Amino acid sequence: MAIDNNTVRQIAFLAKLKVEPDKLEETKEEFNKILAWVEELREVNTDNVEPLVSVNNESLTLREDKISAGHNAKEILANAPAQEFGYFVVPKVVE
């Protein structure tokens, strides 16, 4: 399958690519090279190949959920530059 200049313009429009008129021929050649590569990939026999979810065979190690002391608001607020009613005080960002 070969691509012509009109198809390049249409692909560029749909993909929101800016292709200068003087680069149209070069872009057409690049698209045709990509299509030739895809055709080459179609020739590869993948009948006995399992589909991959990831190229990495390792699984993630999960840590155990542990309950920690989370009710130490006084210690946390002690680091705040300003606090009021048990909350951080920050500058107003919305007017």
N, C-alpha and C. Protein backbone atom coordinates (compact mmCIF):
# COMPACT_ATOMS: atom_id res chain seq x y z
N MET A 1 0.84 -1.18 0.00
CA MET A 1 0.00 0.00 0.00
C MET A 1 0.89 1.24 0.00
N ALA A 2 0.68 2.10 -0.95
CA ALA A 2 1.46 3.33 -1.04
C ALA A 2 0.56 4.52 -0.73
N ILE A 3 1.17 5.51 -0.13
CA ILE A 3 0.44 6.72 0.25
C ILE A 3 0.76 7.82 -0.74
N ASP A 4 -0.26 8.58 -1.14
CA ASP A 4 -0.04 9.72 -2.03
C ASP A 4 -0.10 11.01 -1.21
N ASN A 5 0.15 12.13 -1.88
CA ASN A 5 0.21 13.43 -1.18
C ASN A 5 -1.12 13.81 -0.54
N ASN A 6 -2.24 13.48 -1.19
CA ASN A 6 -3.55 13.80 -0.60
C ASN A 6 -3.76 13.03 0.71
N THR A 7 -3.33 11.77 0.73
CA THR A 7 -3.46 10.97 1.95
C THR A 7 -2.57 11.54 3.06
N VAL A 8 -1.39 12.01 2.69
CA VAL A 8 -0.50 12.63 3.68
C VAL A 8 -1.16 13.87 4.28
N ARG A 9 -1.78 14.68 3.43
CA ARG A 9 -2.48 15.88 3.93
C ARG A 9 -3.62 15.50 4.87
N GLN A 10 -4.36 14.45 4.51
CA GLN A 10 -5.48 14.02 5.34
C GLN A 10 -4.99 13.46 6.68
N ILE A 11 -3.95 12.64 6.66
CA ILE A 11 -3.38 12.11 7.90
C ILE A 11 -2.85 13.24 8.75
N ALA A 12 -2.17 14.18 8.14
CA ALA A 12 -1.63 15.32 8.89
C ALA A 12 -2.75 16.13 9.53
N PHE A 13 -3.84 16.31 8.81
CA PHE A 13 -4.97 17.05 9.36
C PHE A 13 -5.57 16.31 10.55
N LEU A 14 -5.81 15.01 10.39
CA LEU A 14 -6.43 14.22 11.45
C LEU A 14 -5.52 14.10 12.68
N ALA A 15 -4.20 14.04 12.45
CA ALA A 15 -3.26 13.90 13.55
C ALA A 15 -2.77 15.25 14.07
N LYS A 16 -3.33 16.31 13.55
CA LYS A 16 -2.95 17.68 13.95
C LYS A 16 -1.45 17.91 13.77
N LEU A 17 -0.92 17.42 12.65
CA LEU A 17 0.48 17.63 12.31
C LEU A 17 0.58 18.78 11.32
N LYS A 18 1.58 19.61 11.50
CA LYS A 18 1.81 20.69 10.55
C LYS A 18 2.89 20.22 9.58
N VAL A 19 2.48 19.96 8.37
CA VAL A 19 3.41 19.52 7.33
C VAL A 19 3.50 20.63 6.30
N GLU A 20 4.67 21.22 6.21
CA GLU A 20 4.91 22.29 5.24
C GLU A 20 4.83 21.72 3.83
N PRO A 21 4.36 22.51 2.87
CA PRO A 21 4.24 22.02 1.48
C PRO A 21 5.56 21.49 0.92
N ASP A 22 6.67 22.11 1.29
CA ASP A 22 7.96 21.65 0.77
C ASP A 22 8.42 20.35 1.45
N LYS A 23 7.80 19.97 2.56
CA LYS A 23 8.14 18.73 3.27
C LYS A 23 7.15 17.61 2.97
N LEU A 24 6.18 17.87 2.10
CA LEU A 24 5.13 16.90 1.82
C LEU A 24 5.70 15.61 1.20
N GLU A 25 6.59 15.76 0.25
CA GLU A 25 7.17 14.59 -0.41
C GLU A 25 8.01 13.77 0.56
N GLU A 26 8.77 14.45 1.40
CA GLU A 26 9.61 13.76 2.40
C GLU A 26 8.73 13.02 3.41
N THR A 27 7.64 13.63 3.81
CA THR A 27 6.72 13.00 4.75
C THR A 27 6.05 11.79 4.12
N LYS A 28 5.70 11.90 2.85
CA LYS A 28 5.11 10.77 2.13
C LYS A 28 6.07 9.59 2.11
N GLU A 29 7.34 9.85 1.87
CA GLU A 29 8.34 8.78 1.86
C GLU A 29 8.47 8.14 3.24
N GLU A 30 8.43 8.95 4.29
CA GLU A 30 8.52 8.42 5.64
C GLU A 30 7.31 7.54 5.96
N PHE A 31 6.12 8.00 5.61
CA PHE A 31 4.91 7.20 5.83
C PHE A 31 4.99 5.88 5.07
N ASN A 32 5.47 5.92 3.84
CA ASN A 32 5.59 4.70 3.06
C ASN A 32 6.63 3.74 3.67
N LYS A 33 7.70 4.27 4.24
CA LYS A 33 8.68 3.42 4.93
C LYS A 33 8.05 2.75 6.15
N ILE A 34 7.23 3.50 6.88
CA ILE A 34 6.55 2.94 8.06
C ILE A 34 5.61 1.83 7.63
N LEU A 35 4.84 2.06 6.57
CA LEU A 35 3.92 1.03 6.08
C LEU A 35 4.66 -0.20 5.58
N ALA A 36 5.81 -0.01 4.95
CA ALA A 36 6.62 -1.15 4.49
C ALA A 36 7.11 -1.95 5.69
N TRP A 37 7.48 -1.28 6.77
CA TRP A 37 7.93 -1.95 7.98
C TRP A 37 6.78 -2.75 8.60
N VAL A 38 5.58 -2.18 8.62
CA VAL A 38 4.42 -2.89 9.15
C VAL A 38 4.13 -4.13 8.31
N GLU A 39 4.23 -4.02 7.00
CA GLU A 39 4.04 -5.18 6.13
C GLU A 39 5.08 -6.25 6.42
N GLU A 40 6.31 -5.83 6.68
CA GLU A 40 7.38 -6.77 7.02
C GLU A 40 7.06 -7.49 8.33
N LEU A 41 6.50 -6.77 9.30
CA LEU A 41 6.13 -7.38 10.57
C LEU A 41 5.00 -8.40 10.40
N ARG A 42 4.12 -8.17 9.45
CA ARG A 42 3.01 -9.10 9.20
C ARG A 42 3.51 -10.46 8.73
N GLU A 43 4.69 -10.51 8.15
CA GLU A 43 5.24 -11.76 7.65
C GLU A 43 5.79 -12.64 8.76
N VAL A 44 5.98 -12.11 9.95
CA VAL A 44 6.54 -12.87 11.06
C VAL A 44 5.48 -13.85 11.58
N ASN A 45 5.89 -15.10 11.75
CA ASN A 45 4.98 -16.13 12.24
C ASN A 45 4.85 -16.00 13.76
N THR A 46 3.66 -15.65 14.22
CA THR A 46 3.42 -15.49 15.65
C THR A 46 2.35 -16.47 16.15
N ASP A 47 2.17 -17.58 15.45
CA ASP A 47 1.12 -18.53 15.80
C ASP A 47 1.27 -19.10 17.21
N ASN A 48 2.48 -19.46 17.61
CA ASN A 48 2.70 -20.10 18.91
C ASN A 48 3.27 -19.14 19.95
N VAL A 49 3.04 -17.86 19.76
CA VAL A 49 3.57 -16.86 20.69
C VAL A 49 2.43 -16.32 21.54
N GLU A 50 2.61 -16.41 22.86
CA GLU A 50 1.60 -15.90 23.79
C GLU A 50 1.61 -14.37 23.76
N PRO A 51 0.45 -13.73 23.80
CA PRO A 51 0.42 -12.27 23.87
C PRO A 51 1.03 -11.79 25.19
N LEU A 52 1.70 -10.67 25.14
CA LEU A 52 2.33 -10.10 26.34
C LEU A 52 1.49 -8.99 26.92
N VAL A 53 1.40 -8.98 28.23
CA VAL A 53 0.81 -7.85 28.92
C VAL A 53 1.92 -6.86 29.22
N SER A 54 3.09 -7.40 29.51
CA SER A 54 4.25 -6.57 29.82
C SER A 54 5.50 -7.32 29.38
N VAL A 55 6.54 -6.61 29.03
CA VAL A 55 7.79 -7.26 28.67
C VAL A 55 8.59 -7.65 29.90
N ASN A 56 8.12 -7.22 31.05
CA ASN A 56 8.80 -7.50 32.31
C ASN A 56 8.08 -8.66 33.00
N ASN A 57 8.80 -9.75 33.29
CA ASN A 57 8.20 -10.93 33.92
C ASN A 57 8.10 -10.83 35.43
N GLU A 58 8.70 -9.81 36.00
CA GLU A 58 8.71 -9.71 37.45
C GLU A 58 7.42 -9.08 37.96
N SER A 59 6.97 -9.58 39.10
CA SER A 59 5.77 -9.00 39.69
C SER A 59 6.18 -8.00 40.76
N LEU A 60 5.27 -7.11 41.06
CA LEU A 60 5.54 -6.10 42.07
C LEU A 60 5.46 -6.72 43.46
N THR A 61 6.38 -6.33 44.30
CA THR A 61 6.32 -6.79 45.68
C THR A 61 5.45 -5.81 46.46
N LEU A 62 4.47 -6.36 47.14
CA LEU A 62 3.54 -5.52 47.89
C LEU A 62 3.92 -5.55 49.36
N ARG A 63 3.82 -4.42 50.00
CA ARG A 63 4.10 -4.38 51.42
C ARG A 63 2.82 -4.62 52.20
N GLU A 64 2.98 -5.12 53.39
CA GLU A 64 1.84 -5.38 54.24
C GLU A 64 1.29 -4.07 54.77
N ASP A 65 -0.03 -3.96 54.81
CA ASP A 65 -0.64 -2.78 55.39
C ASP A 65 -0.54 -2.87 56.90
N LYS A 66 0.05 -1.85 57.49
CA LYS A 66 0.19 -1.83 58.94
C LYS A 66 -0.44 -0.56 59.48
N ILE A 67 -1.11 -0.72 60.59
CA ILE A 67 -1.71 0.44 61.24
C ILE A 67 -0.60 1.19 61.95
N SER A 68 -0.57 2.49 61.73
CA SER A 68 0.44 3.32 62.39
C SER A 68 -0.28 4.39 63.20
N ALA A 69 0.48 4.99 64.06
CA ALA A 69 -0.09 6.05 64.89
C ALA A 69 -0.40 7.24 63.98
N GLY A 70 -1.66 7.48 63.72
CA GLY A 70 -2.03 8.55 62.82
C GLY A 70 -2.68 9.72 63.51
N HIS A 71 -2.93 9.59 64.80
CA HIS A 71 -3.62 10.65 65.52
C HIS A 71 -2.63 11.51 66.29
N ASN A 72 -1.70 12.08 65.57
CA ASN A 72 -0.71 12.96 66.21
C ASN A 72 -0.75 14.34 65.57
N ALA A 73 -1.94 14.91 65.49
CA ALA A 73 -2.13 16.20 64.84
C ALA A 73 -1.33 17.29 65.51
N LYS A 74 -1.21 17.24 66.82
CA LYS A 74 -0.45 18.28 67.53
C LYS A 74 1.00 18.29 67.09
N GLU A 75 1.60 17.10 66.93
CA GLU A 75 3.00 17.02 66.49
C GLU A 75 3.14 17.52 65.05
N ILE A 76 2.19 17.17 64.22
CA ILE A 76 2.26 17.59 62.81
C ILE A 76 2.08 19.11 62.71
N LEU A 77 1.10 19.65 63.42
CA LEU A 77 0.84 21.08 63.36
C LEU A 77 1.95 21.89 64.01
N ALA A 78 2.75 21.27 64.86
CA ALA A 78 3.88 21.96 65.47
C ALA A 78 4.89 22.41 64.42
N ASN A 79 4.92 21.74 63.27
CA ASN A 79 5.84 22.10 62.19
C ASN A 79 5.28 23.18 61.27
N ALA A 80 4.02 23.50 61.41
CA ALA A 80 3.38 24.46 60.52
C ALA A 80 3.76 25.88 60.90
N PRO A 81 3.99 26.75 59.91
CA PRO A 81 4.29 28.14 60.22
C PRO A 81 3.10 28.85 60.85
N ALA A 82 1.89 28.42 60.50
CA ALA A 82 0.69 29.02 61.08
C ALA A 82 -0.39 27.95 61.18
N GLN A 83 -1.16 28.00 62.27
CA GLN A 83 -2.25 27.05 62.48
C GLN A 83 -3.38 27.74 63.21
N GLU A 84 -4.58 27.20 62.98
CA GLU A 84 -5.75 27.77 63.64
C GLU A 84 -6.83 26.70 63.70
N PHE A 85 -7.41 26.50 64.86
CA PHE A 85 -8.49 25.53 65.08
C PHE A 85 -8.09 24.11 64.65
N GLY A 86 -6.82 23.76 64.81
CA GLY A 86 -6.36 22.42 64.46
C GLY A 86 -6.11 22.21 62.98
N TYR A 87 -6.00 23.29 62.19
CA TYR A 87 -5.76 23.20 60.75
C TYR A 87 -4.58 24.07 60.36
N PHE A 88 -3.95 23.74 59.22
CA PHE A 88 -2.91 24.59 58.66
C PHE A 88 -3.55 25.87 58.16
N VAL A 89 -2.86 26.99 58.33
CA VAL A 89 -3.31 28.27 57.78
C VAL A 89 -2.39 28.59 56.60
N VAL A 90 -3.02 28.80 55.45
CA VAL A 90 -2.25 29.11 54.25
C VAL A 90 -2.77 30.40 53.64
N PRO A 91 -1.96 31.06 52.83
CA PRO A 91 -2.43 32.30 52.19
C PRO A 91 -3.59 32.01 51.24
N LYS A 92 -4.47 32.96 51.12
CA LYS A 92 -5.61 32.85 50.21
C LYS A 92 -5.09 32.84 48.77
N VAL A 93 -5.55 31.87 47.98
CA VAL A 93 -5.08 31.77 46.59
C VAL A 93 -6.18 32.07 45.59
N VAL A 94 -7.43 32.12 46.03
CA VAL A 94 -8.54 32.41 45.14
C VAL A 94 -9.23 33.67 45.65
N GLU A 95 -9.45 34.60 44.77
CA GLU A 95 -10.11 35.84 45.20
C GLU A 95 -11.55 35.83 44.80
